[in-house]
Amino acid sequence: MWISQQGQKAQSHTGGRAEVGRVTLAGNPVGVYLDGERRELPLFGPGGYAWRPEQGQQVLVIKTGGQEEAPCVVGGLCSTELGLREGEVLLYSPKASIRVGADGVVSVTGVLKVNGKKVLTEE
């Protein structure tokens, strides 16, 4: 009986829908046009990483909460124009980038400013 009640509860849950929208107000929180404009949406990203989508950028919005009443932005559409190869990672802004290649080469574009001690080690 308890198991069947849990199954009924799981079936009645409607949360977790996702939609793609376009940023109308950049910042954090952000405004996104979905089926209408939604404002004050929080941004989420991986730990240790902060980002701000650009106005007009396509973003993924998930709707959380039992009644999907708490939408949030969880990521932006990855451009195919970045020239990423399989296994590469690119951290970029309009004027700088750090590319970590699958071959182990790290390429930095832009002005590099290092804060802290410089420690070089040899293998």
PDB file of N, CA and C in Angstrom:
ATOM      1  N   MET A   1       0.813  -1.186   0.000  1.00  0.00           N
ATOM      2  CA  MET A   1       0.000   0.000   0.000  1.00  0.00           C
ATOM      3  C   MET A   1       0.864   1.260   0.000  1.00  0.00           C
ATOM      4  N   TRP A   2       1.896   1.299   0.852  1.00  0.00           N
ATOM      5  CA  TRP A   2       2.769   2.473   0.906  1.00  0.00           C
ATOM      6  C   TRP A   2       3.432   2.716  -0.453  1.00  0.00           C
ATOM      7  N   ILE A   3       3.872   1.636  -1.111  1.00  0.00           N
ATOM      8  CA  ILE A   3       4.528   1.765  -2.415  1.00  0.00           C
ATOM      9  C   ILE A   3       3.560   2.337  -3.444  1.00  0.00           C
ATOM     10  N   SER A   4       2.330   1.873  -3.474  1.00  0.00           N
ATOM     11  CA  SER A   4       1.360   2.390  -4.443  1.00  0.00           C
ATOM     12  C   SER A   4       1.048   3.860  -4.170  1.00  0.00           C
ATOM     13  N   GLN A   5       1.031   4.282  -2.904  1.00  0.00           N
ATOM     14  CA  GLN A   5       0.803   5.689  -2.585  1.00  0.00           C
ATOM     15  C   GLN A   5       1.967   6.549  -3.068  1.00  0.00           C
ATOM     16  N   GLN A   6       3.192   6.035  -2.953  1.00  0.00           N
ATOM     17  CA  GLN A   6       4.352   6.783  -3.420  1.00  0.00           C
ATOM     18  C   GLN A   6       4.306   6.941  -4.935  1.00  0.00           C
ATOM     19  N   GLY A   7       3.862   5.892  -5.637  1.00  0.00           N
ATOM     20  CA  GLY A   7       3.724   5.967  -7.088  1.00  0.00           C
ATOM     21  C   GLY A   7       2.703   7.008  -7.496  1.00  0.00           C
ATOM     22  N   GLN A   8       1.609   7.125  -6.774  1.00  0.00           N
ATOM     23  CA  GLN A   8       0.588   8.124  -7.064  1.00  0.00           C
ATOM     24  C   GLN A   8       1.137   9.527  -6.850  1.00  0.00           C
ATOM     25  N   LYS A   9       1.928   9.719  -5.790  1.00  0.00           N
ATOM     26  CA  LYS A   9       2.533  11.027  -5.540  1.00  0.00           C
ATOM     27  C   LYS A   9       3.491  11.392  -6.671  1.00  0.00           C
ATOM     28  N   ALA A  10       4.296  10.445  -7.122  1.00  0.00           N
ATOM     29  CA  ALA A  10       5.253  10.707  -8.189  1.00  0.00           C
ATOM     30  C   ALA A  10       4.542  11.077  -9.483  1.00  0.00           C
ATOM     31  N   GLN A  11       3.425  10.459  -9.771  1.00  0.00           N
ATOM     32  CA  GLN A  11       2.709  10.747 -11.001  1.00  0.00           C
ATOM     33  C   GLN A  11       2.062  12.125 -10.968  1.00  0.00           C
ATOM     34  N   SER A  12       1.719  12.630  -9.800  1.00  0.00           N
ATOM     35  CA  SER A  12       1.057  13.927  -9.716  1.00  0.00           C
ATOM     36  C   SER A  12       2.033  15.097  -9.763  1.00  0.00           C
ATOM     37  N   HIS A  13       3.331  14.831  -9.639  1.00  0.00           N
ATOM     38  CA  HIS A  13       4.331  15.894  -9.675  1.00  0.00           C
ATOM     39  C   HIS A  13       4.471  16.416 -11.106  1.00  0.00           C
ATOM     40  N   THR A  14       4.412  17.734 -11.294  1.00  0.00           N
ATOM     41  CA  THR A  14       4.477  18.306 -12.636  1.00  0.00           C
ATOM     42  C   THR A  14       5.726  19.140 -12.876  1.00  0.00           C
ATOM     43  N   GLY A  15       6.596  19.279 -11.899  1.00  0.00           N
ATOM     44  CA  GLY A  15       7.753  20.157 -12.039  1.00  0.00           C
ATOM     45  C   GLY A  15       8.820  19.617 -12.976  1.00  0.00           C
ATOM     46  N   GLY A  16       9.761  20.495 -13.335  1.00  0.00           N
ATOM     47  CA  GLY A  16      10.910  20.069 -14.102  1.00  0.00           C
ATOM     48  C   GLY A  16      10.845  20.329 -15.588  1.00  0.00           C
ATOM     49  N   ARG A  17       9.896  21.101 -16.065  1.00  0.00           N
ATOM     50  CA  ARG A  17       9.816  21.401 -17.491  1.00  0.00           C
ATOM     51  C   ARG A  17      10.910  22.391 -17.866  1.00  0.00           C
ATOM     52  N   ALA A  18      11.436  22.270 -19.067  1.00  0.00           N
ATOM     53  CA  ALA A  18      12.488  23.171 -19.527  1.00  0.00           C
ATOM     54  C   ALA A  18      12.047  23.850 -20.820  1.00  0.00           C
ATOM     55  N   GLU A  19      12.510  25.084 -21.011  1.00  0.00           N
ATOM     56  CA  GLU A  19      12.214  25.846 -22.217  1.00  0.00           C
ATOM     57  C   GLU A  19      13.454  26.635 -22.604  1.00  0.00           C
ATOM     58  N   VAL A  20      13.554  26.983 -23.881  1.00  0.00           N
ATOM     59  CA  VAL A  20      14.604  27.864 -24.364  1.00  0.00           C
ATOM     60  C   VAL A  20      13.989  29.239 -24.551  1.00  0.00           C
ATOM     61  N   GLY A  21      14.656  30.245 -24.006  1.00  0.00           N
ATOM     62  CA  GLY A  21      14.173  31.618 -24.131  1.00  0.00           C
ATOM     63  C   GLY A  21      15.288  32.538 -24.570  1.00  0.00           C
ATOM     64  N   ARG A  22      14.964  33.811 -24.750  1.00  0.00           N
ATOM     65  CA  ARG A  22      15.950  34.799 -25.166  1.00  0.00           C
ATOM     66  C   ARG A  22      16.048  35.885 -24.098  1.00  0.00           C
ATOM     67  N   VAL A  23      17.283  36.251 -23.735  1.00  0.00           N
ATOM     68  CA  VAL A  23      17.529  37.233 -22.678  1.00  0.00           C
ATOM     69  C   VAL A  23      17.040  38.615 -23.124  1.00  0.00           C
ATOM     70  N   THR A  24      16.217  39.229 -22.290  1.00  0.00           N
ATOM     71  CA  THR A  24      15.715  40.575 -22.557  1.00  0.00           C
ATOM     72  C   THR A  24      16.371  41.611 -21.648  1.00  0.00           C
ATOM     73  N   LEU A  25      16.748  41.209 -20.445  1.00  0.00           N
ATOM     74  CA  LEU A  25      17.430  42.090 -19.497  1.00  0.00           C
ATOM     75  C   LEU A  25      18.623  41.340 -18.926  1.00  0.00           C
ATOM     76  N   ALA A  26      19.828  41.754 -19.317  1.00  0.00           N
ATOM     77  CA  ALA A  26      21.037  41.093 -18.835  1.00  0.00           C
ATOM     78  C   ALA A  26      21.284  41.456 -17.382  1.00  0.00           C
ATOM     79  N   GLY A  27      21.995  40.622 -16.664  1.00  0.00           N
ATOM     80  CA  GLY A  27      22.333  40.872 -15.268  1.00  0.00           C
ATOM     81  C   GLY A  27      22.086  39.641 -14.436  1.00  0.00           C
ATOM     82  N   ASN A  28      22.039  39.812 -13.140  1.00  0.00           N
ATOM     83  CA  ASN A  28      21.712  38.723 -12.229  1.00  0.00           C
ATOM     84  C   ASN A  28      20.915  39.317 -11.073  1.00  0.00           C
ATOM     85  N   PRO A  29      19.621  39.094 -11.001  1.00  0.00           N
ATOM     86  CA  PRO A  29      18.817  38.200 -11.821  1.00  0.00           C
ATOM     87  C   PRO A  29      18.642  38.738 -13.245  1.00  0.00           C
ATOM     88  N   VAL A  30      18.071  37.894 -14.103  1.00  0.00           N
ATOM     89  CA  VAL A  30      17.991  38.178 -15.530  1.00  0.00           C
ATOM     90  C   VAL A  30      16.532  38.181 -15.980  1.00  0.00           C
ATOM     91  N   GLY A  31      16.253  38.864 -17.088  1.00  0.00           N
ATOM     92  CA  GLY A  31      14.934  38.833 -17.713  1.00  0.00           C
ATOM     93  C   GLY A  31      14.999  37.977 -18.958  1.00  0.00           C
ATOM     94  N   VAL A  32      14.006  37.106 -19.151  1.00  0.00           N
ATOM     95  CA  VAL A  32      13.996  36.187 -20.292  1.00  0.00           C
ATOM     96  C   VAL A  32      12.609  36.168 -20.912  1.00  0.00           C
ATOM     97  N   TYR A  33      12.559  36.171 -22.244  1.00  0.00           N
ATOM     98  CA  TYR A  33      11.279  36.028 -22.933  1.00  0.00           C
ATOM     99  C   TYR A  33      11.050  34.556 -23.224  1.00  0.00           C
ATOM    100  N   LEU A  34       9.991  33.989 -22.651  1.00  0.00           N
ATOM    101  CA  LEU A  34       9.582  32.606 -22.902  1.00  0.00           C
ATOM    102  C   LEU A  34       8.239  32.681 -23.640  1.00  0.00           C
ATOM    103  N   ASP A  35       7.141  32.428 -22.959  1.00  0.00           N
ATOM    104  CA  ASP A  35       5.816  32.625 -23.532  1.00  0.00           C
ATOM    105  C   ASP A  35       5.341  34.046 -23.258  1.00  0.00           C
ATOM    106  N   GLY A  36       6.132  34.774 -22.569  1.00  0.00           N
ATOM    107  CA  GLY A  36       5.984  36.174 -22.206  1.00  0.00           C
ATOM    108  C   GLY A  36       7.256  36.525 -21.462  1.00  0.00           C
ATOM    109  N   GLU A  37       7.457  37.793 -21.150  1.00  0.00           N
ATOM    110  CA  GLU A  37       8.700  38.146 -20.464  1.00  0.00           C
ATOM    111  C   GLU A  37       8.621  37.767 -18.988  1.00  0.00           C
ATOM    112  N   ARG A  38       9.674  37.105 -18.519  1.00  0.00           N
ATOM    113  CA  ARG A  38       9.818  36.762 -17.102  1.00  0.00           C
ATOM    114  C   ARG A  38      11.016  37.542 -16.582  1.00  0.00           C
ATOM    115  N   ARG A  39      10.841  38.230 -15.480  1.00  0.00           N
ATOM    116  CA  ARG A  39      11.932  39.008 -14.888  1.00  0.00           C
ATOM    117  C   ARG A  39      12.347  38.405 -13.560  1.00  0.00           C
ATOM    118  N   GLU A  40      13.524  38.824 -13.114  1.00  0.00           N
ATOM    119  CA  GLU A  40      14.052  38.414 -11.815  1.00  0.00           C
ATOM    120  C   GLU A  40      14.331  36.910 -11.737  1.00  0.00           C
ATOM    121  N   LEU A  41      14.758  36.299 -12.851  1.00  0.00           N
ATOM    122  CA  LEU A  41      15.100  34.875 -12.825  1.00  0.00           C
ATOM    123  C   LEU A  41      16.526  34.717 -12.332  1.00  0.00           C
ATOM    124  N   PRO A  42      16.758  33.834 -11.350  1.00  0.00           N
ATOM    125  CA  PRO A  42      18.132  33.610 -10.874  1.00  0.00           C
ATOM    126  C   PRO A  42      18.947  32.829 -11.904  1.00  0.00           C
ATOM    127  N   LEU A  43      20.259  33.035 -11.862  1.00  0.00           N
ATOM    128  CA  LEU A  43      21.200  32.318 -12.735  1.00  0.00           C
ATOM    129  C   LEU A  43      21.872  31.213 -11.949  1.00  0.00           C
ATOM    130  N   PHE A  44      22.016  30.056 -12.565  1.00  0.00           N
ATOM    131  CA  PHE A  44      22.729  28.942 -11.955  1.00  0.00           C
ATOM    132  C   PHE A  44      23.863  28.518 -12.872  1.00  0.00           C
ATOM    133  N   GLY A  45      24.935  28.012 -12.292  1.00  0.00           N
ATOM    134  CA  GLY A  45      26.066  27.497 -13.047  1.00  0.00           C
ATOM    135  C   GLY A  45      26.857  26.543 -12.178  1.00  0.00           C
ATOM    136  N   PRO A  46      27.868  25.916 -12.768  1.00  0.00           N
ATOM    137  CA  PRO A  46      28.701  25.001 -11.984  1.00  0.00           C
ATOM    138  C   PRO A  46      29.393  25.737 -10.842  1.00  0.00           C
ATOM    139  N   GLY A  47      29.735  25.014  -9.774  1.00  0.00           N
ATOM    140  CA  GLY A  47      30.433  25.604  -8.642  1.00  0.00           C
ATOM    141  C   GLY A  47      31.750  26.241  -9.060  1.00  0.00           C
ATOM    142  N   GLY A  48      32.037  27.418  -8.537  1.00  0.00           N
ATOM    143  CA  GLY A  48      33.281  28.105  -8.845  1.00  0.00           C
ATOM    144  C   GLY A  48      33.257  28.852 -10.161  1.00  0.00           C
ATOM    145  N   TYR A  49      32.090  28.965 -10.770  1.00  0.00           N
ATOM    146  CA  TYR A  49      31.975  29.601 -12.078  1.00  0.00           C
ATOM    147  C   TYR A  49      30.828  30.601 -12.020  1.00  0.00           C
ATOM    148  N   ALA A  50      31.082  31.833 -12.398  1.00  0.00           N
ATOM    149  CA  ALA A  50      30.036  32.848 -12.425  1.00  0.00           C
ATOM    150  C   ALA A  50      29.908  33.365 -13.851  1.00  0.00           C
ATOM    151  N   TRP A  51      28.687  33.639 -14.278  1.00  0.00           N
ATOM    152  CA  TRP A  51      28.485  34.111 -15.644  1.00  0.00           C
ATOM    153  C   TRP A  51      27.305  35.062 -15.717  1.00  0.00           C
ATOM    154  N   ARG A  52      27.269  35.844 -16.761  1.00  0.00           N
ATOM    155  CA  ARG A  52      26.164  36.745 -17.038  1.00  0.00           C
ATOM    156  C   ARG A  52      25.852  36.616 -18.523  1.00  0.00           C
ATOM    157  N   PRO A  53      24.659  36.165 -18.875  1.00  0.00           N
ATOM    158  CA  PRO A  53      24.324  36.069 -20.288  1.00  0.00           C
ATOM    159  C   PRO A  53      24.176  37.454 -20.912  1.00  0.00           C
ATOM    160  N   GLU A  54      24.416  37.533 -22.215  1.00  0.00           N
ATOM    161  CA  GLU A  54      24.269  38.786 -22.943  1.00  0.00           C
ATOM    162  C   GLU A  54      22.816  38.981 -23.354  1.00  0.00           C
ATOM    163  N   GLN A  55      22.434  40.220 -23.539  1.00  0.00           N
ATOM    164  CA  GLN A  55      21.087  40.498 -24.032  1.00  0.00           C
ATOM    165  C   GLN A  55      20.945  39.879 -25.414  1.00  0.00           C
ATOM    166  N   GLY A  56      19.842  39.179 -25.636  1.00  0.00           N
ATOM    167  CA  GLY A  56      19.585  38.520 -26.915  1.00  0.00           C
ATOM    168  C   GLY A  56      20.068  37.081 -26.978  1.00  0.00           C
ATOM    169  N   GLN A  57      20.883  36.643 -26.012  1.00  0.00           N
ATOM    170  CA  GLN A  57      21.410  35.276 -26.016  1.00  0.00           C
ATOM    171  C   GLN A  57      20.305  34.268 -25.708  1.00  0.00           C
ATOM    172  N   GLN A  58      20.366  33.116 -26.365  1.00  0.00           N
ATOM    173  CA  GLN A  58      19.426  32.043 -26.054  1.00  0.00           C
ATOM    174  C   GLN A  58      19.895  31.331 -24.797  1.00  0.00           C
ATOM    175  N   VAL A  59      18.960  31.077 -23.869  1.00  0.00           N
ATOM    176  CA  VAL A  59      19.285  30.429 -22.606  1.00  0.00           C
ATOM    177  C   VAL A  59      18.289  29.316 -22.316  1.00  0.00           C
ATOM    178  N   LEU A  60      18.736  28.357 -21.512  1.00  0.00           N
ATOM    179  CA  LEU A  60      17.882  27.261 -21.074  1.00  0.00           C
ATOM    180  C   LEU A  60      17.288  27.630 -19.723  1.00  0.00           C
ATOM    181  N   VAL A  61      15.972  27.566 -19.631  1.00  0.00           N
ATOM    182  CA  VAL A  61      15.252  27.894 -18.400  1.00  0.00           C
ATOM    183  C   VAL A  61      14.543  26.637 -17.932  1.00  0.00           C
ATOM    184  N   ILE A  62      14.807  26.245 -16.690  1.00  0.00           N
ATOM    185  CA  ILE A  62      14.045  25.131 -16.126  1.00  0.00           C
ATOM    186  C   ILE A  62      13.042  25.706 -15.137  1.00  0.00           C
ATOM    187  N   LYS A  63      11.909  25.060 -15.082  1.00  0.00           N
ATOM    188  CA  LYS A  63      10.843  25.515 -14.192  1.00  0.00           C
ATOM    189  C   LYS A  63      10.779  24.551 -13.022  1.00  0.00           C
ATOM    190  N   THR A  64      11.112  25.060 -11.851  1.00  0.00           N
ATOM    191  CA  THR A  64      11.161  24.236 -10.650  1.00  0.00           C
ATOM    192  C   THR A  64       9.953  24.517  -9.767  1.00  0.00           C
ATOM    193  N   GLY A  65       9.807  23.725  -8.745  1.00  0.00           N
ATOM    194  CA  GLY A  65       8.697  23.884  -7.820  1.00  0.00           C
ATOM    195  C   GLY A  65       7.547  22.966  -8.207  1.00  0.00           C
ATOM    196  N   GLY A  66       6.708  22.675  -7.270  1.00  0.00           N
ATOM    197  CA  GLY A  66       5.589  21.768  -7.492  1.00  0.00           C
ATOM    198  C   GLY A  66       4.647  22.221  -8.588  1.00  0.00           C
ATOM    199  N   GLN A  67       4.498  23.519  -8.769  1.00  0.00           N
ATOM    200  CA  GLN A  67       3.613  24.065  -9.797  1.00  0.00           C
ATOM    201  C   GLN A  67       4.413  24.795 -10.877  1.00  0.00           C
ATOM    202  N   GLU A  68       5.715  24.497 -10.977  1.00  0.00           N
ATOM    203  CA  GLU A  68       6.624  25.152 -11.929  1.00  0.00           C
ATOM    204  C   GLU A  68       6.615  26.661 -11.742  1.00  0.00           C
ATOM    205  N   GLU A  69       6.495  27.093 -10.479  1.00  0.00           N
ATOM    206  CA  GLU A  69       6.368  28.513 -10.187  1.00  0.00           C
ATOM    207  C   GLU A  69       7.706  29.210 -10.000  1.00  0.00           C
ATOM    208  N   ALA A  70       8.820  28.483 -10.070  1.00  0.00           N
ATOM    209  CA  ALA A  70      10.132  29.071  -9.803  1.00  0.00           C
ATOM    210  C   ALA A  70      11.091  28.800 -10.961  1.00  0.00           C
ATOM    211  N   PRO A  71      10.937  29.523 -12.093  1.00  0.00           N
ATOM    212  CA  PRO A  71      11.858  29.301 -13.207  1.00  0.00           C
ATOM    213  C   PRO A  71      13.241  29.868 -12.898  1.00  0.00           C
ATOM    214  N   CYS A  72      14.280  29.248 -13.456  1.00  0.00           N
ATOM    215  CA  CYS A  72      15.643  29.733 -13.291  1.00  0.00           C
ATOM    216  C   CYS A  72      16.440  29.434 -14.553  1.00  0.00           C
ATOM    217  N   VAL A  73      17.452  30.249 -14.814  1.00  0.00           N
ATOM    218  CA  VAL A  73      18.299  30.108 -15.993  1.00  0.00           C
ATOM    219  C   VAL A  73      19.496  29.237 -15.618  1.00  0.00           C
ATOM    220  N   VAL A  74      19.727  28.168 -16.387  1.00  0.00           N
ATOM    221  CA  VAL A  74      20.791  27.234 -16.044  1.00  0.00           C
ATOM    222  C   VAL A  74      21.910  27.165 -17.069  1.00  0.00           C
ATOM    223  N   GLY A  75      21.780  27.816 -18.204  1.00  0.00           N
ATOM    224  CA  GLY A  75      22.861  27.777 -19.180  1.00  0.00           C
ATOM    225  C   GLY A  75      22.494  28.517 -20.445  1.00  0.00           C
ATOM    226  N   GLY A  76      23.515  28.760 -21.270  1.00  0.00           N
ATOM    227  CA  GLY A  76      23.321  29.433 -22.542  1.00  0.00           C
ATOM    228  C   GLY A  76      23.636  28.501 -23.696  1.00  0.00           C
ATOM    229  N   LEU A  77      23.084  28.820 -24.858  1.00  0.00           N
ATOM    230  CA  LEU A  77      23.326  28.028 -26.052  1.00  0.00           C
ATOM    231  C   LEU A  77      24.788  28.139 -26.458  1.00  0.00           C
ATOM    232  N   CYS A  78      25.435  27.012 -26.689  1.00  0.00           N
ATOM    233  CA  CYS A  78      26.844  26.993 -27.109  1.00  0.00           C
ATOM    234  C   CYS A  78      26.924  27.269 -28.602  1.00  0.00           C
ATOM    235  N   SER A  79      27.719  28.238 -28.958  1.00  0.00           N
ATOM    236  CA  SER A  79      27.873  28.619 -30.357  1.00  0.00           C
ATOM    237  C   SER A  79      28.698  27.584 -31.108  1.00  0.00           C
ATOM    238  N   THR A  80      28.292  27.300 -32.323  1.00  0.00           N
ATOM    239  CA  THR A  80      29.066  26.390 -33.168  1.00  0.00           C
ATOM    240  C   THR A  80      30.223  27.126 -33.837  1.00  0.00           C
ATOM    241  N   GLU A  81      30.252  28.447 -33.739  1.00  0.00           N
ATOM    242  CA  GLU A  81      31.281  29.256 -34.390  1.00  0.00           C
ATOM    243  C   GLU A  81      32.565  29.371 -33.574  1.00  0.00           C
ATOM    244  N   LEU A  82      32.655  28.729 -32.431  1.00  0.00           N
ATOM    245  CA  LEU A  82      33.825  28.852 -31.568  1.00  0.00           C
ATOM    246  C   LEU A  82      34.976  27.954 -31.997  1.00  0.00           C
ATOM    247  N   GLY A  83      34.723  27.048 -32.903  1.00  0.00           N
ATOM    248  CA  GLY A  83      35.772  26.179 -33.406  1.00  0.00           C
ATOM    249  C   GLY A  83      36.275  25.164 -32.401  1.00  0.00           C
ATOM    250  N   LEU A  84      35.432  24.733 -31.470  1.00  0.00           N
ATOM    251  CA  LEU A  84      35.855  23.745 -30.478  1.00  0.00           C
ATOM    252  C   LEU A  84      35.985  22.373 -31.118  1.00  0.00           C
ATOM    253  N   ARG A  85      37.060  21.706 -30.768  1.00  0.00           N
ATOM    254  CA  ARG A  85      37.251  20.315 -31.199  1.00  0.00           C
ATOM    255  C   ARG A  85      36.786  19.398 -30.074  1.00  0.00           C
ATOM    256  N   GLU A  86      36.576  18.147 -30.406  1.00  0.00           N
ATOM    257  CA  GLU A  86      36.131  17.166 -29.417  1.00  0.00           C
ATOM    258  C   GLU A  86      37.078  17.149 -28.222  1.00  0.00           C
ATOM    259  N   GLY A  87      36.523  17.241 -27.013  1.00  0.00           N
ATOM    260  CA  GLY A  87      37.321  17.179 -25.787  1.00  0.00           C
ATOM    261  C   GLY A  87      37.889  18.502 -25.325  1.00  0.00           C
ATOM    262  N   GLU A  88      37.661  19.600 -26.061  1.00  0.00           N
ATOM    263  CA  GLU A  88      38.194  20.899 -25.665  1.00  0.00           C
ATOM    264  C   GLU A  88      37.225  21.652 -24.758  1.00  0.00           C
ATOM    265  N   VAL A  89      37.805  22.571 -23.985  1.00  0.00           N
ATOM    266  CA  VAL A  89      37.026  23.456 -23.119  1.00  0.00           C
ATOM    267  C   VAL A  89      37.454  24.879 -23.438  1.00  0.00           C
ATOM    268  N   LEU A  90      36.478  25.783 -23.522  1.00  0.00           N
ATOM    269  CA  LEU A  90      36.777  27.180 -23.817  1.00  0.00           C
ATOM    270  C   LEU A  90      36.060  28.071 -22.817  1.00  0.00           C
ATOM    271  N   LEU A  91      36.815  28.931 -22.170  1.00  0.00           N
ATOM    272  CA  LEU A  91      36.283  29.955 -21.289  1.00  0.00           C
ATOM    273  C   LEU A  91      36.529  31.261 -22.024  1.00  0.00           C
ATOM    274  N   TYR A  92      35.463  32.016 -22.330  1.00  0.00           N
ATOM    275  CA  TYR A  92      35.671  33.183 -23.179  1.00  0.00           C
ATOM    276  C   TYR A  92      34.749  34.343 -22.812  1.00  0.00           C
ATOM    277  N   SER A  93      35.193  35.524 -23.227  1.00  0.00           N
ATOM    278  CA  SER A  93      34.417  36.758 -23.150  1.00  0.00           C
ATOM    279  C   SER A  93      34.663  37.475 -24.482  1.00  0.00           C
ATOM    280  N   PRO A  94      34.061  38.630 -24.705  1.00  0.00           N
ATOM    281  CA  PRO A  94      34.278  39.299 -25.988  1.00  0.00           C
ATOM    282  C   PRO A  94      35.740  39.652 -26.300  1.00  0.00           C
ATOM    283  N   LYS A  95      36.583  39.854 -25.284  1.00  0.00           N
ATOM    284  CA  LYS A  95      37.963  40.293 -25.548  1.00  0.00           C
ATOM    285  C   LYS A  95      39.051  39.344 -25.068  1.00  0.00           C
ATOM    286  N   ALA A  96      38.699  38.200 -24.475  1.00  0.00           N
ATOM    287  CA  ALA A  96      39.727  37.286 -23.967  1.00  0.00           C
ATOM    288  C   ALA A  96      39.196  35.863 -23.941  1.00  0.00           C
ATOM    289  N   SER A  97      40.125  34.896 -23.966  1.00  0.00           N
ATOM    290  CA  SER A  97      39.707  33.494 -23.878  1.00  0.00           C
ATOM    291  C   SER A  97      40.837  32.626 -23.330  1.00  0.00           C
ATOM    292  N   ILE A  98      40.421  31.518 -22.743  1.00  0.00           N
ATOM    293  CA  ILE A  98      41.348  30.471 -22.320  1.00  0.00           C
ATOM    294  C   ILE A  98      40.818  29.179 -22.924  1.00  0.00           C
ATOM    295  N   ARG A  99      41.633  28.577 -23.772  1.00  0.00           N
ATOM    296  CA  ARG A  99      41.254  27.329 -24.436  1.00  0.00           C
ATOM    297  C   ARG A  99      42.110  26.199 -23.881  1.00  0.00           C
ATOM    298  N   VAL A 100      41.466  25.156 -23.381  1.00  0.00           N
ATOM    299  CA  VAL A 100      42.163  23.971 -22.891  1.00  0.00           C
ATOM    300  C   VAL A 100      41.944  22.887 -23.933  1.00  0.00           C
ATOM    301  N   GLY A 101      43.008  22.544 -24.626  1.00  0.00           N
ATOM    302  CA  GLY A 101      42.908  21.572 -25.699  1.00  0.00           C
ATOM    303  C   GLY A 101      42.966  20.141 -25.195  1.00  0.00           C
ATOM    304  N   ALA A 102      42.369  19.253 -25.959  1.00  0.00           N
ATOM    305  CA  ALA A 102      42.397  17.834 -25.619  1.00  0.00           C
ATOM    306  C   ALA A 102      43.829  17.295 -25.665  1.00  0.00           C
ATOM    307  N   ASP A 103      44.722  18.010 -26.358  1.00  0.00           N
ATOM    308  CA  ASP A 103      46.120  17.598 -26.458  1.00  0.00           C
ATOM    309  C   ASP A 103      46.966  18.085 -25.285  1.00  0.00           C
ATOM    310  N   GLY A 104      46.341  18.798 -24.326  1.00  0.00           N
ATOM    311  CA  GLY A 104      47.059  19.281 -23.147  1.00  0.00           C
ATOM    312  C   GLY A 104      47.603  20.693 -23.284  1.00  0.00           C
ATOM    313  N   VAL A 105      47.393  21.341 -24.413  1.00  0.00           N
ATOM    314  CA  VAL A 105      47.870  22.704 -24.620  1.00  0.00           C
ATOM    315  C   VAL A 105      46.818  23.688 -24.115  1.00  0.00           C
ATOM    316  N   VAL A 106      47.258  24.664 -23.306  1.00  0.00           N
ATOM    317  CA  VAL A 106      46.383  25.721 -22.811  1.00  0.00           C
ATOM    318  C   VAL A 106      46.769  27.007 -23.529  1.00  0.00           C
ATOM    319  N   SER A 107      45.814  27.609 -24.232  1.00  0.00           N
ATOM    320  CA  SER A 107      46.066  28.838 -24.992  1.00  0.00           C
ATOM    321  C   SER A 107      45.295  29.987 -24.358  1.00  0.00           C
ATOM    322  N   VAL A 108      45.997  31.104 -24.117  1.00  0.00           N
ATOM    323  CA  VAL A 108      45.382  32.285 -23.542  1.00  0.00           C
ATOM    324  C   VAL A 108      45.429  33.392 -24.580  1.00  0.00           C
ATOM    325  N   THR A 109      44.281  34.018 -24.828  1.00  0.00           N
ATOM    326  CA  THR A 109      44.187  35.141 -25.752  1.00  0.00           C
ATOM    327  C   THR A 109      43.736  36.352 -24.955  1.00  0.00           C
ATOM    328  N   GLY A 110      44.362  37.507 -25.207  1.00  0.00           N
ATOM    329  CA  GLY A 110      44.027  38.729 -24.462  1.00  0.00           C
ATOM    330  C   GLY A 110      45.190  39.097 -23.565  1.00  0.00           C
ATOM    331  N   VAL A 111      44.971  40.003 -22.653  1.00  0.00           N
ATOM    332  CA  VAL A 111      46.000  40.438 -21.713  1.00  0.00           C
ATOM    333  C   VAL A 111      45.987  39.488 -20.522  1.00  0.00           C
ATOM    334  N   LEU A 112      47.153  38.949 -20.171  1.00  0.00           N
ATOM    335  CA  LEU A 112      47.259  38.013 -19.048  1.00  0.00           C
ATOM    336  C   LEU A 112      47.848  38.754 -17.852  1.00  0.00           C
ATOM    337  N   LYS A 113      47.083  38.809 -16.772  1.00  0.00           N
ATOM    338  CA  LYS A 113      47.522  39.456 -15.543  1.00  0.00           C
ATOM    339  C   LYS A 113      47.527  38.392 -14.464  1.00  0.00           C
ATOM    340  N   VAL A 114      48.687  38.170 -13.844  1.00  0.00           N
ATOM    341  CA  VAL A 114      48.825  37.137 -12.815  1.00  0.00           C
ATOM    342  C   VAL A 114      48.933  37.819 -11.458  1.00  0.00           C
ATOM    343  N   ASN A 115      48.056  37.416 -10.547  1.00  0.00           N
ATOM    344  CA  ASN A 115      48.103  37.919  -9.172  1.00  0.00           C
ATOM    345  C   ASN A 115      48.568  36.783  -8.268  1.00  0.00           C
ATOM    346  N   GLY A 116      49.505  37.069  -7.403  1.00  0.00           N
ATOM    347  CA  GLY A 116      50.014  36.025  -6.516  1.00  0.00           C
ATOM    348  C   GLY A 116      51.425  35.633  -6.908  1.00  0.00           C
ATOM    349  N   LYS A 117      51.908  34.541  -6.328  1.00  0.00           N
ATOM    350  CA  LYS A 117      53.263  34.084  -6.593  1.00  0.00           C
ATOM    351  C   LYS A 117      53.310  33.238  -7.837  1.00  0.00           C
ATOM    352  N   LYS A 118      54.384  33.366  -8.559  1.00  0.00           N
ATOM    353  CA  LYS A 118      54.612  32.553  -9.735  1.00  0.00           C
ATOM    354  C   LYS A 118      55.498  31.385  -9.312  1.00  0.00           C
ATOM    355  N   VAL A 119      54.982  30.195  -9.435  1.00  0.00           N
ATOM    356  CA  VAL A 119      55.726  28.995  -9.061  1.00  0.00           C
ATOM    357  C   VAL A 119      55.838  28.115 -10.278  1.00  0.00           C
ATOM    358  N   LEU A 120      57.046  27.860 -10.705  1.00  0.00           N
ATOM    359  CA  LEU A 120      57.255  26.996 -11.859  1.00  0.00           C
ATOM    360  C   LEU A 120      57.871  25.685 -11.393  1.00  0.00           C
ATOM    361  N   THR A 121      57.335  24.604 -11.859  1.00  0.00           N
ATOM    362  CA  THR A 121      57.885  23.293 -11.535  1.00  0.00           C
ATOM    363  C   THR A 121      58.154  22.544 -12.819  1.00  0.00           C
ATOM    364  N   GLU A 122      59.133  21.677 -12.780  1.00  0.00           N
ATOM    365  CA  GLU A 122      59.428  20.841 -13.926  1.00  0.00           C
ATOM    366  C   GLU A 122      59.053  19.419 -13.614  1.00  0.00           C
ATOM    367  N   GLU A 123      58.641  18.710 -14.635  1.00  0.00           N
ATOM    368  CA  GLU A 123      58.295  17.290 -14.440  1.00  0.00           C
ATOM    369  C   GLU A 123      59.482  16.423 -14.744  1.00  0.00           C
TER     370      GLU A 123
END
